[in-house]
Amino acid sequence: MQMLIIILASIGAINWGLVGLGSFLDINLNLVNLLLGSVPALENIVYLVVGICGIVVLYAHLTKKCKM
């Protein structure tokens, strides 16, 4: 479970990096939006799950429960 959480948080971080890059290049590089944009509810669920995974990773690092 811990590895899945780390992977999802990493995917979210990469996606945000692509969003930032896309904003400089004036193109949509938001992979979640490109893949799931036709289903906004599913897109929002993905954002929510990735955000929760990010919080779990942050908590694990702050409390020294992560072995990375």
C-alpha atoms as a PDB file:
ATOM      1  CA  MET A   1       0.000   0.000   0.000  1.00  0.00           C
ATOM      2  CA  GLN A   2       2.843   2.387   0.850  1.00  0.00           C
ATOM      3  CA  MET A   3       4.414   1.921  -2.587  1.00  0.00           C
ATOM      4  CA  LEU A   4       1.080   2.644  -4.323  1.00  0.00           C
ATOM      5  CA  ILE A   5       0.713   5.855  -2.322  1.00  0.00           C
ATOM      6  CA  ILE A   6       4.246   6.955  -3.237  1.00  0.00           C
ATOM      7  CA  ILE A   7       3.645   6.153  -6.914  1.00  0.00           C
ATOM      8  CA  LEU A   8       0.376   8.112  -7.020  1.00  0.00           C
ATOM      9  CA  ALA A   9       1.949  11.094  -5.263  1.00  0.00           C
ATOM     10  CA  SER A  10       4.855  10.994  -7.723  1.00  0.00           C
ATOM     11  CA  ILE A  11       2.502  10.861 -10.698  1.00  0.00           C
ATOM     12  CA  GLY A  12       0.683  13.874  -9.264  1.00  0.00           C
ATOM     13  CA  ALA A  13       3.949  15.773  -8.867  1.00  0.00           C
ATOM     14  CA  ILE A  14       4.957  14.971 -12.445  1.00  0.00           C
ATOM     15  CA  ASN A  15       1.536  16.071 -13.673  1.00  0.00           C
ATOM     16  CA  TRP A  16       1.872  19.410 -11.863  1.00  0.00           C
ATOM     17  CA  GLY A  17       5.305  19.855 -13.423  1.00  0.00           C
ATOM     18  CA  LEU A  18       3.761  19.270 -16.835  1.00  0.00           C
ATOM     19  CA  VAL A  19       0.975  21.759 -16.058  1.00  0.00           C
ATOM     20  CA  GLY A  20       3.619  24.376 -15.227  1.00  0.00           C
ATOM     21  CA  LEU A  21       5.623  23.613 -18.361  1.00  0.00           C
ATOM     22  CA  GLY A  22       2.472  23.692 -20.468  1.00  0.00           C
ATOM     23  CA  SER A  23       1.610  27.102 -19.106  1.00  0.00           C
ATOM     24  CA  PHE A  24       4.965  28.452 -20.358  1.00  0.00           C
ATOM     25  CA  LEU A  25       4.452  26.817 -23.746  1.00  0.00           C
ATOM     26  CA  ASP A  26       0.761  27.787 -23.891  1.00  0.00           C
ATOM     27  CA  ILE A  27      -0.411  24.179 -24.357  1.00  0.00           C
ATOM     28  CA  ASN A  28      -2.411  21.799 -22.173  1.00  0.00           C
ATOM     29  CA  LEU A  29      -0.025  19.178 -20.779  1.00  0.00           C
ATOM     30  CA  ASN A  30      -2.292  18.210 -17.866  1.00  0.00           C
ATOM     31  CA  LEU A  31      -2.346  14.434 -18.384  1.00  0.00           C
ATOM     32  CA  VAL A  32      -5.275  13.840 -16.041  1.00  0.00           C
ATOM     33  CA  ASN A  33      -7.349  16.376 -17.939  1.00  0.00           C
ATOM     34  CA  LEU A  34      -6.254  15.036 -21.318  1.00  0.00           C
ATOM     35  CA  LEU A  35      -7.067  11.436 -20.344  1.00  0.00           C
ATOM     36  CA  LEU A  36     -10.227  11.999 -18.280  1.00  0.00           C
ATOM     37  CA  GLY A  37     -11.429  15.468 -19.298  1.00  0.00           C
ATOM     38  CA  SER A  38     -14.583  14.046 -20.843  1.00  0.00           C
ATOM     39  CA  VAL A  39     -15.559  12.648 -17.417  1.00  0.00           C
ATOM     40  CA  PRO A  40     -15.143  15.572 -14.987  1.00  0.00           C
ATOM     41  CA  ALA A  41     -16.333  13.607 -11.938  1.00  0.00           C
ATOM     42  CA  LEU A  42     -13.683  10.922 -12.527  1.00  0.00           C
ATOM     43  CA  GLU A  43     -11.049  13.602 -13.121  1.00  0.00           C
ATOM     44  CA  ASN A  44     -11.926  15.201  -9.763  1.00  0.00           C
ATOM     45  CA  ILE A  45     -11.743  11.821  -8.001  1.00  0.00           C
ATOM     46  CA  VAL A  46      -8.240  11.271  -9.406  1.00  0.00           C
ATOM     47  CA  TYR A  47      -7.159  14.718  -8.164  1.00  0.00           C
ATOM     48  CA  LEU A  48      -8.621  13.971  -4.735  1.00  0.00           C
ATOM     49  CA  VAL A  49      -6.930  10.560  -4.431  1.00  0.00           C
ATOM     50  CA  VAL A  50      -3.562  11.937  -5.574  1.00  0.00           C
ATOM     51  CA  GLY A  51      -3.891  14.838  -3.116  1.00  0.00           C
ATOM     52  CA  ILE A  52      -4.628  12.460  -0.250  1.00  0.00           C
ATOM     53  CA  CYS A  53      -1.608  10.360  -1.243  1.00  0.00           C
ATOM     54  CA  GLY A  54       0.546  13.490  -1.158  1.00  0.00           C
ATOM     55  CA  ILE A  55      -0.659  14.286   2.356  1.00  0.00           C
ATOM     56  CA  VAL A  56       0.085  10.713   3.494  1.00  0.00           C
ATOM     57  CA  VAL A  57       3.620  10.875   2.056  1.00  0.00           C
ATOM     58  CA  LEU A  58       4.227  14.252   3.713  1.00  0.00           C
ATOM     59  CA  TYR A  59       2.927  12.958   7.049  1.00  0.00           C
ATOM     60  CA  ALA A  60       5.112   9.842   6.789  1.00  0.00           C
ATOM     61  CA  HIS A  61       8.200  11.954   6.173  1.00  0.00           C
ATOM     62  CA  LEU A  62       7.418  14.447   8.933  1.00  0.00           C
ATOM     63  CA  THR A  63       6.840  11.699  11.489  1.00  0.00           C
ATOM     64  CA  LYS A  64       9.833   9.667  10.268  1.00  0.00           C
ATOM     65  CA  LYS A  65       7.580   6.713   9.393  1.00  0.00           C
ATOM     66  CA  CYS A  66       8.848   6.603   5.811  1.00  0.00           C
ATOM     67  CA  LYS A  67      12.012   4.691   5.006  1.00  0.00           C
ATOM     68  CA  MET A  68      12.925   6.725   1.917  1.00  0.00           C
END
